[in-house]
N, C-alpha and C. Protein backbone atom coordinates (compact mmCIF):
# COMPACT_ATOMS: atom_id res chain seq x y z
N UNK A 1 -4.62 32.25 -20.14
CA UNK A 1 -5.52 31.16 -20.52
C UNK A 1 -5.55 30.13 -19.40
N UNK A 2 -6.74 29.76 -18.89
CA UNK A 2 -6.80 28.81 -17.78
C UNK A 2 -6.37 27.42 -18.22
N UNK A 3 -5.86 26.65 -17.25
CA UNK A 3 -5.44 25.29 -17.55
C UNK A 3 -6.64 24.42 -17.88
N UNK A 4 -6.47 23.45 -18.80
CA UNK A 4 -7.59 22.57 -19.13
C UNK A 4 -7.99 21.71 -17.93
N UNK A 5 -9.27 21.41 -17.85
CA UNK A 5 -9.78 20.61 -16.74
C UNK A 5 -9.35 19.16 -16.93
N UNK A 6 -8.78 18.58 -15.88
CA UNK A 6 -8.36 17.19 -15.92
C UNK A 6 -9.57 16.28 -15.77
N UNK A 7 -9.70 15.32 -16.67
CA UNK A 7 -10.81 14.37 -16.63
C UNK A 7 -10.40 13.08 -15.92
N UNK A 8 -11.33 12.53 -15.16
CA UNK A 8 -11.10 11.24 -14.51
C UNK A 8 -11.01 10.15 -15.57
N UNK A 9 -10.17 9.14 -15.30
CA UNK A 9 -9.96 8.05 -16.25
C UNK A 9 -10.11 6.71 -15.57
N UNK A 10 -10.52 5.73 -16.35
CA UNK A 10 -10.61 4.35 -15.90
C UNK A 10 -9.91 3.46 -16.91
N UNK A 11 -9.28 2.40 -16.41
CA UNK A 11 -8.61 1.45 -17.29
C UNK A 11 -8.15 0.24 -16.51
N UNK A 12 -7.55 -0.71 -17.21
CA UNK A 12 -7.01 -1.91 -16.57
C UNK A 12 -5.63 -1.59 -16.03
N UNK A 13 -5.39 -1.90 -14.77
CA UNK A 13 -4.12 -1.58 -14.12
C UNK A 13 -2.98 -2.37 -14.74
N UNK A 14 -1.87 -1.69 -14.92
CA UNK A 14 -0.65 -2.33 -15.42
C UNK A 14 0.07 -2.96 -14.23
N UNK A 15 0.21 -4.29 -14.19
CA UNK A 15 0.84 -4.92 -13.02
C UNK A 15 2.31 -4.56 -12.85
N UNK A 16 2.96 -4.17 -13.93
CA UNK A 16 4.38 -3.84 -13.84
C UNK A 16 4.66 -2.40 -13.49
N UNK A 17 3.65 -1.53 -13.58
CA UNK A 17 3.82 -0.11 -13.28
C UNK A 17 2.69 0.34 -12.37
N UNK A 18 2.96 0.54 -11.09
CA UNK A 18 1.90 0.81 -10.11
C UNK A 18 1.08 2.06 -10.39
N UNK A 19 1.60 3.01 -11.13
CA UNK A 19 0.90 4.26 -11.34
C UNK A 19 0.39 4.44 -12.77
N UNK A 20 0.30 3.34 -13.52
CA UNK A 20 -0.16 3.44 -14.90
C UNK A 20 -1.15 2.33 -15.20
N UNK A 21 -1.91 2.53 -16.29
CA UNK A 21 -2.85 1.52 -16.76
C UNK A 21 -2.35 0.91 -18.06
N UNK A 22 -2.90 -0.23 -18.42
CA UNK A 22 -2.49 -0.91 -19.64
C UNK A 22 -2.77 -0.02 -20.85
N UNK A 23 -1.84 -0.03 -21.79
CA UNK A 23 -1.98 0.80 -22.98
C UNK A 23 -3.22 0.39 -23.77
N UNK A 24 -4.02 1.37 -24.13
CA UNK A 24 -5.22 1.11 -24.93
C UNK A 24 -6.44 0.69 -24.14
N UNK A 25 -6.32 0.54 -22.82
CA UNK A 25 -7.46 0.08 -22.02
C UNK A 25 -8.20 1.23 -21.34
N UNK A 26 -7.59 2.40 -21.31
CA UNK A 26 -8.18 3.51 -20.57
C UNK A 26 -9.13 4.37 -21.39
N UNK A 27 -10.04 5.03 -20.71
CA UNK A 27 -10.96 5.97 -21.32
C UNK A 27 -11.35 7.02 -20.28
N UNK A 28 -11.73 8.19 -20.76
CA UNK A 28 -12.11 9.29 -19.87
C UNK A 28 -13.62 9.31 -19.67
N UNK A 29 -14.02 9.74 -18.48
CA UNK A 29 -15.45 9.87 -18.19
C UNK A 29 -15.97 11.14 -18.86
N UNK A 30 -17.28 11.21 -19.07
CA UNK A 30 -17.86 12.39 -19.71
C UNK A 30 -17.85 13.59 -18.78
N UNK A 31 -18.19 13.36 -17.51
CA UNK A 31 -18.20 14.42 -16.50
C UNK A 31 -17.48 13.93 -15.26
N UNK A 32 -16.66 14.79 -14.69
CA UNK A 32 -15.97 14.42 -13.45
C UNK A 32 -16.97 14.22 -12.32
N UNK A 33 -16.70 13.27 -11.43
CA UNK A 33 -17.62 13.04 -10.30
C UNK A 33 -17.67 14.24 -9.37
N UNK A 34 -18.81 14.40 -8.72
CA UNK A 34 -18.96 15.50 -7.76
C UNK A 34 -18.16 15.24 -6.49
N UNK A 35 -17.97 13.95 -6.15
CA UNK A 35 -17.23 13.61 -4.93
C UNK A 35 -16.71 12.19 -5.05
N UNK A 36 -15.72 11.89 -4.21
CA UNK A 36 -15.17 10.54 -4.07
C UNK A 36 -15.27 10.13 -2.61
N UNK A 37 -15.77 8.94 -2.37
CA UNK A 37 -15.88 8.43 -1.00
C UNK A 37 -14.89 7.29 -0.83
N UNK A 38 -13.91 7.50 0.05
CA UNK A 38 -12.87 6.50 0.29
C UNK A 38 -13.02 5.94 1.69
N UNK A 39 -13.10 4.61 1.79
CA UNK A 39 -13.32 3.93 3.07
C UNK A 39 -12.24 2.88 3.29
N UNK A 40 -11.74 2.80 4.52
CA UNK A 40 -10.77 1.77 4.90
C UNK A 40 -11.41 0.88 5.95
N UNK A 41 -11.34 -0.44 5.73
CA UNK A 41 -11.94 -1.40 6.65
C UNK A 41 -10.90 -2.39 7.15
N UNK A 42 -11.01 -2.74 8.42
CA UNK A 42 -10.18 -3.78 9.02
C UNK A 42 -11.00 -5.04 9.23
N UNK A 43 -10.41 -6.17 8.88
CA UNK A 43 -11.03 -7.47 9.15
C UNK A 43 -10.42 -8.04 10.42
N UNK A 44 -11.24 -8.23 11.45
CA UNK A 44 -10.75 -8.71 12.74
C UNK A 44 -10.85 -10.23 12.81
N UNK A 45 -9.88 -10.82 13.47
CA UNK A 45 -9.84 -12.27 13.63
C UNK A 45 -9.47 -12.58 15.07
N UNK A 46 -10.18 -13.55 15.65
CA UNK A 46 -9.92 -13.92 17.05
C UNK A 46 -8.62 -14.70 17.15
N UNK A 47 -7.81 -14.36 18.14
CA UNK A 47 -6.57 -15.06 18.35
C UNK A 47 -6.76 -16.35 19.12
N UNK A 48 -5.70 -17.11 19.22
CA UNK A 48 -5.76 -18.38 19.95
C UNK A 48 -5.39 -18.15 21.41
N UNK A 49 -5.66 -19.14 22.24
CA UNK A 49 -5.34 -19.03 23.66
C UNK A 49 -6.54 -18.65 24.49
N UNK A 50 -6.30 -18.40 25.76
CA UNK A 50 -7.39 -18.11 26.68
C UNK A 50 -7.94 -16.70 26.51
N UNK A 51 -7.09 -15.76 26.12
CA UNK A 51 -7.54 -14.37 26.04
C UNK A 51 -8.46 -14.13 24.85
N UNK A 52 -8.26 -14.87 23.75
CA UNK A 52 -9.05 -14.70 22.53
C UNK A 52 -9.02 -13.25 22.05
N UNK A 53 -7.88 -12.62 22.22
CA UNK A 53 -7.76 -11.23 21.80
C UNK A 53 -7.80 -11.13 20.29
N UNK A 54 -8.59 -10.19 19.79
CA UNK A 54 -8.74 -10.03 18.35
C UNK A 54 -7.57 -9.22 17.79
N UNK A 55 -7.26 -9.50 16.53
CA UNK A 55 -6.22 -8.76 15.84
C UNK A 55 -6.64 -8.55 14.39
N UNK A 56 -6.00 -7.59 13.73
CA UNK A 56 -6.33 -7.25 12.35
C UNK A 56 -5.61 -8.23 11.42
N UNK A 57 -6.39 -9.00 10.66
CA UNK A 57 -5.81 -9.95 9.74
C UNK A 57 -5.72 -9.41 8.32
N UNK A 58 -6.53 -8.39 8.01
CA UNK A 58 -6.52 -7.85 6.66
C UNK A 58 -7.11 -6.44 6.66
N UNK A 59 -6.57 -5.58 5.82
CA UNK A 59 -7.07 -4.23 5.65
C UNK A 59 -7.44 -4.02 4.19
N UNK A 60 -8.61 -3.49 3.95
CA UNK A 60 -9.06 -3.25 2.58
C UNK A 60 -9.50 -1.81 2.42
N UNK A 61 -9.26 -1.27 1.24
CA UNK A 61 -9.70 0.08 0.91
C UNK A 61 -10.84 0.02 -0.10
N UNK A 62 -11.76 0.96 -0.01
CA UNK A 62 -12.93 0.96 -0.89
C UNK A 62 -13.17 2.38 -1.41
N UNK A 63 -13.38 2.48 -2.71
CA UNK A 63 -13.66 3.75 -3.36
C UNK A 63 -15.04 3.69 -3.99
N UNK A 64 -15.89 4.66 -3.64
CA UNK A 64 -17.25 4.74 -4.19
C UNK A 64 -17.43 6.11 -4.83
N UNK A 65 -18.07 6.12 -6.00
CA UNK A 65 -18.32 7.37 -6.70
C UNK A 65 -19.44 7.20 -7.70
N UNK A 66 -19.91 8.31 -8.25
CA UNK A 66 -20.93 8.30 -9.29
C UNK A 66 -20.39 8.98 -10.54
N UNK A 67 -20.55 8.32 -11.68
CA UNK A 67 -20.06 8.83 -12.96
C UNK A 67 -21.25 9.08 -13.87
N UNK A 68 -21.28 10.25 -14.48
CA UNK A 68 -22.38 10.62 -15.38
C UNK A 68 -21.89 10.53 -16.83
N UNK A 69 -22.68 9.83 -17.64
CA UNK A 69 -22.40 9.71 -19.07
C UNK A 69 -23.58 10.33 -19.83
N UNK A 70 -23.26 11.17 -20.80
CA UNK A 70 -24.30 11.91 -21.53
C UNK A 70 -23.95 11.98 -23.02
N UNK A 71 -24.88 11.57 -23.86
CA UNK A 71 -24.67 11.59 -25.32
C UNK A 71 -25.77 12.38 -26.03
N UNK A 72 -26.35 13.35 -25.35
CA UNK A 72 -27.43 14.12 -25.98
C UNK A 72 -26.95 14.91 -27.19
N UNK A 73 -25.68 15.28 -27.22
CA UNK A 73 -25.16 16.07 -28.33
C UNK A 73 -25.00 15.24 -29.61
N UNK A 74 -24.80 13.94 -29.46
CA UNK A 74 -24.60 13.08 -30.63
C UNK A 74 -25.79 12.18 -30.93
N UNK A 75 -26.65 11.96 -29.95
CA UNK A 75 -27.79 11.07 -30.15
C UNK A 75 -27.42 9.60 -30.08
N UNK A 76 -26.19 9.30 -29.72
CA UNK A 76 -25.73 7.91 -29.62
C UNK A 76 -26.27 7.27 -28.35
N UNK A 77 -26.48 5.97 -28.41
CA UNK A 77 -26.93 5.23 -27.22
C UNK A 77 -25.85 5.33 -26.15
N UNK A 78 -26.20 5.86 -25.00
CA UNK A 78 -25.23 6.07 -23.94
C UNK A 78 -24.66 4.77 -23.40
N UNK A 79 -25.36 3.67 -23.60
CA UNK A 79 -24.89 2.38 -23.09
C UNK A 79 -23.65 1.88 -23.83
N UNK A 80 -23.36 2.46 -24.99
CA UNK A 80 -22.12 2.13 -25.68
C UNK A 80 -20.92 2.52 -24.82
N UNK A 81 -21.06 3.59 -24.06
CA UNK A 81 -19.97 4.07 -23.21
C UNK A 81 -19.99 3.41 -21.83
N UNK A 82 -21.16 3.23 -21.27
CA UNK A 82 -21.23 2.59 -19.95
C UNK A 82 -20.86 1.11 -20.01
N UNK A 83 -20.98 0.52 -21.20
CA UNK A 83 -20.60 -0.89 -21.34
C UNK A 83 -19.11 -1.10 -21.09
N UNK A 84 -18.31 -0.07 -21.29
CA UNK A 84 -16.87 -0.18 -21.02
C UNK A 84 -16.62 -0.37 -19.52
N UNK A 85 -17.46 0.24 -18.70
CA UNK A 85 -17.32 0.09 -17.25
C UNK A 85 -17.81 -1.30 -16.82
N UNK A 86 -18.92 -1.74 -17.40
CA UNK A 86 -19.45 -3.07 -17.06
C UNK A 86 -18.44 -4.15 -17.41
N UNK A 87 -17.67 -3.95 -18.47
CA UNK A 87 -16.70 -4.96 -18.91
C UNK A 87 -15.64 -5.24 -17.85
N UNK A 88 -15.42 -4.30 -16.94
CA UNK A 88 -14.42 -4.53 -15.88
C UNK A 88 -14.86 -5.61 -14.89
N UNK A 89 -16.12 -5.98 -14.91
CA UNK A 89 -16.62 -7.01 -13.99
C UNK A 89 -16.52 -8.41 -14.59
N UNK A 90 -16.21 -8.50 -15.87
CA UNK A 90 -16.16 -9.80 -16.54
C UNK A 90 -14.88 -10.55 -16.19
N UNK A 91 -14.98 -11.78 -15.68
CA UNK A 91 -13.78 -12.55 -15.33
C UNK A 91 -12.97 -12.92 -16.57
N UNK A 92 -11.67 -13.00 -16.39
CA UNK A 92 -10.79 -13.44 -17.46
C UNK A 92 -11.00 -14.93 -17.72
N UNK A 93 -10.98 -15.32 -18.98
CA UNK A 93 -11.23 -16.72 -19.33
C UNK A 93 -10.14 -17.65 -18.79
N UNK A 94 -8.94 -17.15 -18.63
CA UNK A 94 -7.84 -18.00 -18.17
C UNK A 94 -7.71 -18.00 -16.65
N UNK A 95 -7.73 -16.82 -16.03
CA UNK A 95 -7.53 -16.73 -14.59
C UNK A 95 -8.83 -16.84 -13.79
N UNK A 96 -9.97 -16.72 -14.46
CA UNK A 96 -11.29 -16.77 -13.80
C UNK A 96 -11.48 -15.62 -12.81
N UNK A 97 -10.73 -14.56 -12.97
CA UNK A 97 -10.84 -13.40 -12.07
C UNK A 97 -10.99 -12.14 -12.91
N UNK A 98 -11.76 -11.17 -12.43
CA UNK A 98 -11.89 -9.90 -13.16
C UNK A 98 -10.59 -9.10 -13.09
N UNK A 99 -10.39 -8.18 -14.01
CA UNK A 99 -9.15 -7.39 -13.99
C UNK A 99 -9.14 -6.37 -12.87
N UNK A 100 -7.94 -5.99 -12.48
CA UNK A 100 -7.78 -4.90 -11.52
C UNK A 100 -7.93 -3.58 -12.25
N UNK A 101 -8.80 -2.72 -11.72
CA UNK A 101 -9.13 -1.45 -12.38
C UNK A 101 -8.28 -0.33 -11.79
N UNK A 102 -7.82 0.53 -12.65
CA UNK A 102 -7.03 1.70 -12.25
C UNK A 102 -7.89 2.94 -12.46
N UNK A 103 -8.19 3.64 -11.35
CA UNK A 103 -8.94 4.90 -11.41
C UNK A 103 -7.98 6.04 -11.14
N UNK A 104 -8.03 7.05 -11.99
CA UNK A 104 -7.11 8.17 -11.86
C UNK A 104 -7.84 9.48 -12.14
N UNK A 105 -7.64 10.43 -11.25
CA UNK A 105 -8.20 11.77 -11.44
C UNK A 105 -7.23 12.77 -10.84
N UNK A 106 -6.50 13.46 -11.69
CA UNK A 106 -5.47 14.37 -11.21
C UNK A 106 -4.38 13.60 -10.48
N UNK A 107 -4.16 13.95 -9.22
CA UNK A 107 -3.16 13.26 -8.41
C UNK A 107 -3.74 12.11 -7.60
N UNK A 108 -5.05 11.88 -7.70
CA UNK A 108 -5.70 10.80 -6.95
C UNK A 108 -5.71 9.54 -7.80
N UNK A 109 -5.22 8.45 -7.23
CA UNK A 109 -5.20 7.16 -7.93
C UNK A 109 -5.68 6.06 -6.99
N UNK A 110 -6.38 5.10 -7.55
CA UNK A 110 -6.88 3.97 -6.76
C UNK A 110 -6.93 2.75 -7.66
N UNK A 111 -6.55 1.60 -7.09
CA UNK A 111 -6.59 0.33 -7.82
C UNK A 111 -7.42 -0.68 -7.03
N UNK A 112 -8.28 -1.38 -7.73
CA UNK A 112 -9.09 -2.39 -7.07
C UNK A 112 -10.00 -3.10 -8.04
N UNK A 113 -10.74 -4.07 -7.52
CA UNK A 113 -11.72 -4.81 -8.31
C UNK A 113 -13.07 -4.12 -8.21
N UNK A 114 -13.86 -4.23 -9.28
CA UNK A 114 -15.21 -3.66 -9.26
C UNK A 114 -16.06 -4.50 -8.33
N UNK A 115 -16.46 -3.91 -7.22
CA UNK A 115 -17.26 -4.61 -6.22
C UNK A 115 -18.75 -4.52 -6.54
N UNK A 116 -19.19 -3.37 -7.03
CA UNK A 116 -20.60 -3.21 -7.38
C UNK A 116 -20.75 -2.18 -8.49
N UNK A 117 -21.79 -2.36 -9.29
CA UNK A 117 -22.08 -1.46 -10.41
C UNK A 117 -23.59 -1.29 -10.49
N UNK A 118 -24.03 -0.04 -10.54
CA UNK A 118 -25.45 0.24 -10.70
C UNK A 118 -25.62 1.40 -11.66
N UNK A 119 -26.43 1.18 -12.70
CA UNK A 119 -26.63 2.20 -13.73
C UNK A 119 -28.08 2.68 -13.70
N UNK A 120 -28.25 4.00 -13.67
CA UNK A 120 -29.58 4.61 -13.69
C UNK A 120 -29.71 5.47 -14.94
N UNK A 121 -30.58 5.08 -15.85
CA UNK A 121 -30.82 5.84 -17.08
C UNK A 121 -31.97 6.81 -16.81
N UNK A 122 -31.70 8.10 -16.98
CA UNK A 122 -32.72 9.09 -16.61
C UNK A 122 -33.09 10.05 -17.74
N UNK A 123 -32.61 9.81 -18.96
CA UNK A 123 -33.01 10.67 -20.08
C UNK A 123 -32.98 9.87 -21.38
N UNK A 124 -34.05 10.02 -22.16
CA UNK A 124 -34.18 9.28 -23.41
C UNK A 124 -34.49 10.26 -24.55
N UNK A 125 -34.14 9.84 -25.75
CA UNK A 125 -34.52 10.60 -26.95
C UNK A 125 -35.98 10.31 -27.28
N UNK A 126 -36.52 11.06 -28.23
CA UNK A 126 -37.92 10.87 -28.60
C UNK A 126 -38.19 9.47 -29.13
N UNK A 127 -37.18 8.87 -29.74
CA UNK A 127 -37.34 7.51 -30.27
C UNK A 127 -36.99 6.43 -29.26
N UNK A 128 -36.75 6.82 -27.99
CA UNK A 128 -36.50 5.85 -26.93
C UNK A 128 -35.05 5.46 -26.72
N UNK A 129 -34.12 6.12 -27.43
CA UNK A 129 -32.70 5.80 -27.25
C UNK A 129 -32.19 6.41 -25.94
N UNK A 130 -31.57 5.62 -25.06
CA UNK A 130 -31.02 6.18 -23.81
C UNK A 130 -29.89 7.16 -24.11
N UNK A 131 -29.98 8.35 -23.53
CA UNK A 131 -28.99 9.39 -23.80
C UNK A 131 -28.18 9.80 -22.57
N UNK A 132 -28.66 9.52 -21.39
CA UNK A 132 -27.93 9.92 -20.19
C UNK A 132 -28.13 8.89 -19.09
N UNK A 133 -27.04 8.58 -18.41
CA UNK A 133 -27.12 7.61 -17.31
C UNK A 133 -26.11 7.97 -16.23
N UNK A 134 -26.44 7.57 -15.02
CA UNK A 134 -25.54 7.75 -13.87
C UNK A 134 -25.10 6.37 -13.38
N UNK A 135 -23.80 6.18 -13.32
CA UNK A 135 -23.23 4.89 -12.90
C UNK A 135 -22.69 5.03 -11.48
N UNK A 136 -23.24 4.24 -10.56
CA UNK A 136 -22.71 4.16 -9.19
C UNK A 136 -21.71 3.02 -9.15
N UNK A 137 -20.46 3.36 -8.87
CA UNK A 137 -19.37 2.39 -8.97
C UNK A 137 -18.63 2.29 -7.64
N UNK A 138 -18.31 1.05 -7.27
CA UNK A 138 -17.53 0.80 -6.05
C UNK A 138 -16.37 -0.12 -6.39
N UNK A 139 -15.16 0.31 -6.04
CA UNK A 139 -13.95 -0.49 -6.22
C UNK A 139 -13.40 -0.87 -4.86
N UNK A 140 -12.91 -2.10 -4.75
CA UNK A 140 -12.35 -2.59 -3.49
C UNK A 140 -10.94 -3.11 -3.73
N UNK A 141 -10.03 -2.71 -2.85
CA UNK A 141 -8.63 -3.13 -2.95
C UNK A 141 -8.22 -3.83 -1.66
N UNK A 142 -7.42 -4.90 -1.81
CA UNK A 142 -6.92 -5.66 -0.66
C UNK A 142 -5.43 -5.87 -0.81
N UNK A 143 -4.73 -4.80 -1.11
CA UNK A 143 -3.30 -4.91 -1.34
C UNK A 143 -2.51 -5.10 -0.05
N UNK A 144 -2.99 -4.53 1.06
CA UNK A 144 -2.23 -4.58 2.31
C UNK A 144 -2.77 -5.67 3.23
N UNK A 145 -1.93 -6.61 3.58
CA UNK A 145 -2.28 -7.68 4.50
C UNK A 145 -1.25 -7.71 5.62
N UNK A 146 -1.73 -7.71 6.86
CA UNK A 146 -0.83 -7.71 8.00
C UNK A 146 -0.55 -9.15 8.42
N UNK A 147 0.72 -9.46 8.56
CA UNK A 147 1.15 -10.79 9.01
C UNK A 147 1.50 -10.70 10.49
N UNK A 148 0.57 -11.15 11.34
CA UNK A 148 0.79 -11.02 12.79
C UNK A 148 1.77 -12.06 13.32
N UNK A 149 2.07 -13.08 12.53
CA UNK A 149 2.99 -14.10 13.03
C UNK A 149 4.40 -13.56 13.20
N UNK A 150 4.74 -12.51 12.45
CA UNK A 150 6.09 -11.97 12.55
C UNK A 150 6.33 -11.27 13.87
N UNK A 151 5.25 -10.83 14.54
CA UNK A 151 5.42 -10.12 15.81
C UNK A 151 5.98 -11.04 16.89
N UNK A 152 5.57 -12.32 16.87
CA UNK A 152 6.04 -13.25 17.89
C UNK A 152 7.47 -13.69 17.65
N UNK A 153 8.01 -13.41 16.45
CA UNK A 153 9.36 -13.83 16.12
C UNK A 153 10.37 -12.69 16.24
N UNK A 154 9.92 -11.56 16.80
CA UNK A 154 10.82 -10.41 16.93
C UNK A 154 11.91 -10.73 17.94
N UNK A 155 13.10 -10.31 17.64
CA UNK A 155 14.23 -10.55 18.54
C UNK A 155 14.68 -9.24 19.16
N UNK A 156 15.14 -9.33 20.41
CA UNK A 156 15.60 -8.13 21.10
C UNK A 156 16.98 -7.70 20.63
N UNK A 157 17.76 -8.66 20.16
CA UNK A 157 19.14 -8.33 19.79
C UNK A 157 19.21 -7.56 18.49
N UNK A 158 18.40 -7.95 17.52
CA UNK A 158 18.48 -7.36 16.20
C UNK A 158 17.16 -6.72 15.85
N UNK A 159 17.21 -5.70 15.03
CA UNK A 159 16.03 -5.04 14.49
C UNK A 159 16.05 -5.25 12.99
N UNK A 160 15.05 -5.95 12.48
CA UNK A 160 15.04 -6.28 11.06
C UNK A 160 14.25 -5.23 10.30
N UNK A 161 14.84 -4.70 9.23
CA UNK A 161 14.18 -3.71 8.41
C UNK A 161 13.59 -4.38 7.20
N UNK A 162 12.38 -3.94 6.72
CA UNK A 162 11.77 -4.56 5.55
C UNK A 162 12.66 -4.40 4.33
N UNK A 163 12.92 -5.52 3.66
CA UNK A 163 13.69 -5.49 2.44
C UNK A 163 15.17 -5.26 2.65
N UNK A 164 15.67 -5.38 3.85
CA UNK A 164 17.07 -5.11 4.10
C UNK A 164 17.61 -6.01 5.19
N UNK A 165 18.91 -5.97 5.42
CA UNK A 165 19.51 -6.83 6.44
C UNK A 165 19.18 -6.35 7.84
N UNK A 166 19.43 -7.21 8.78
CA UNK A 166 19.19 -6.86 10.19
C UNK A 166 20.20 -5.82 10.64
N UNK A 167 19.71 -4.90 11.44
CA UNK A 167 20.57 -3.85 11.97
C UNK A 167 20.97 -4.22 13.39
N UNK A 168 22.27 -4.38 13.63
CA UNK A 168 22.75 -4.72 14.96
C UNK A 168 22.65 -3.50 15.86
N UNK A 169 22.43 -3.76 17.12
CA UNK A 169 22.41 -2.67 18.07
C UNK A 169 23.80 -2.04 18.16
N UNK A 170 23.89 -0.72 18.29
CA UNK A 170 25.21 -0.09 18.37
C UNK A 170 25.97 -0.54 19.60
N UNK A 171 27.24 -0.83 19.41
CA UNK A 171 28.08 -1.28 20.51
C UNK A 171 28.83 -0.09 21.11
N UNK A 172 29.00 -0.06 22.43
CA UNK A 172 29.74 1.06 23.05
C UNK A 172 31.18 1.04 22.60
N UNK A 173 31.79 2.21 22.44
CA UNK A 173 33.19 2.25 22.01
C UNK A 173 34.09 1.61 23.05
N UNK A 174 35.08 0.88 22.58
CA UNK A 174 36.00 0.19 23.49
C UNK A 174 36.97 1.19 24.11
N UNK A 175 37.26 1.00 25.39
CA UNK A 175 38.18 1.89 26.10
C UNK A 175 39.62 1.57 25.71
N UNK A 176 40.48 2.59 25.62
CA UNK A 176 41.89 2.31 25.28
C UNK A 176 42.55 1.49 26.38
N UNK A 177 43.40 0.59 25.96
CA UNK A 177 44.08 -0.29 26.91
C UNK A 177 45.09 0.51 27.74
N UNK A 178 45.01 0.39 29.05
CA UNK A 178 45.93 1.07 29.96
C UNK A 178 46.90 0.04 30.52
N UNK A 179 48.21 0.21 30.28
CA UNK A 179 49.18 -0.80 30.76
C UNK A 179 49.23 -0.85 32.28
N UNK A 180 49.21 -2.05 32.80
CA UNK A 180 49.31 -2.24 34.24
C UNK A 180 50.78 -2.23 34.67
N UNK A 181 51.10 -1.62 35.84
CA UNK A 181 52.51 -1.65 36.33
C UNK A 181 52.89 -3.06 36.74
N UNK A 182 54.05 -3.46 36.28
CA UNK A 182 54.51 -4.82 36.60
C UNK A 182 55.16 -4.86 37.99
N UNK A 183 54.89 -5.94 38.71
CA UNK A 183 55.49 -6.11 40.05
C UNK A 183 56.99 -6.33 39.92
N UNK A 184 57.79 -5.74 40.82
CA UNK A 184 59.25 -5.93 40.74
C UNK A 184 59.64 -7.37 41.02
N UNK A 185 60.68 -7.80 40.37
CA UNK A 185 61.15 -9.18 40.56
C UNK A 185 61.82 -9.32 41.93
N UNK A 186 61.89 -10.53 42.51
CA UNK A 186 62.54 -10.73 43.83
C UNK A 186 63.99 -10.27 43.86
N UNK A 187 64.71 -10.48 42.74
CA UNK A 187 66.14 -10.09 42.71
C UNK A 187 66.29 -8.59 42.84
N UNK A 188 65.40 -7.83 42.12
CA UNK A 188 65.49 -6.37 42.21
C UNK A 188 65.16 -5.88 43.61
N UNK A 189 64.21 -6.54 44.28
CA UNK A 189 63.86 -6.15 45.64
C UNK A 189 65.01 -6.39 46.60
N UNK A 190 65.73 -7.50 46.43
CA UNK A 190 66.87 -7.83 47.30
C UNK A 190 67.97 -6.80 47.15
N UNK A 191 68.20 -6.37 45.86
CA UNK A 191 69.27 -5.39 45.63
C UNK A 191 68.93 -4.07 46.30
N UNK A 192 67.64 -3.65 46.25
CA UNK A 192 67.28 -2.38 46.86
C UNK A 192 67.41 -2.45 48.39
N UNK A 193 67.04 -3.60 48.99
CA UNK A 193 67.16 -3.75 50.44
C UNK A 193 68.61 -3.73 50.88
N UNK A 194 69.47 -4.43 50.15
CA UNK A 194 70.89 -4.46 50.50
C UNK A 194 71.53 -3.09 50.36
N UNK A 195 71.10 -2.36 49.36
CA UNK A 195 71.69 -1.03 49.15
C UNK A 195 71.29 -0.06 50.24
N UNK A 196 70.14 -0.26 50.85
CA UNK A 196 69.69 0.66 51.89
C UNK A 196 70.31 0.38 53.25
N UNK A 197 70.91 -0.81 53.46
CA UNK A 197 71.52 -1.14 54.74
C UNK A 197 72.94 -0.58 54.80
N UNK A 198 73.36 -0.05 55.96
CA UNK A 198 74.73 0.50 56.07
C UNK A 198 75.77 -0.61 56.09
N UNK A 199 76.93 -0.30 55.56
CA UNK A 199 78.02 -1.31 55.54
C UNK A 199 78.59 -1.49 56.93
N UNK A 200 78.94 -2.73 57.24
CA UNK A 200 79.49 -3.07 58.55
C UNK A 200 81.00 -3.08 58.52
């Protein structure tokens, strides 16, 4: 028996668990997308000084796809289902920001804000009820930000690891101490000289 087909899911991202969505917020799409378009963009910023050399101040990821919703089998208005996607664009009353959306399909996961939404209704029932629509959805994530100020503070003596203590450079092993021969005392030298002279 073949394995069941995994359906793509959308929901509100759980801030405490990077790979999960909030309980009760997720739903499956009617048809899996034909493709996923993933784009990474760098935001360049001019540096200070005479060179004005540009550097990357921020990196953002963008996911674009098309989702098809179809209710021809039930006759239900398809917008009942697409409205769940539109709701992701509504800002929270307290934070004034829209929720972070968690997209998951098999082993592919992406988190970001809904950047754009476009719905195309292309099939209606005889009584005018919308039965099928294609949703063009774009999510944008800005989780990774590069801090260029840390580069100027790098030290040659120590190498600092993220989230851990500084690692000291390895020191060469110390050589074993070799005792130096002590110089003979004047009295011992006199005795040896006297002993070597013949008696008179």
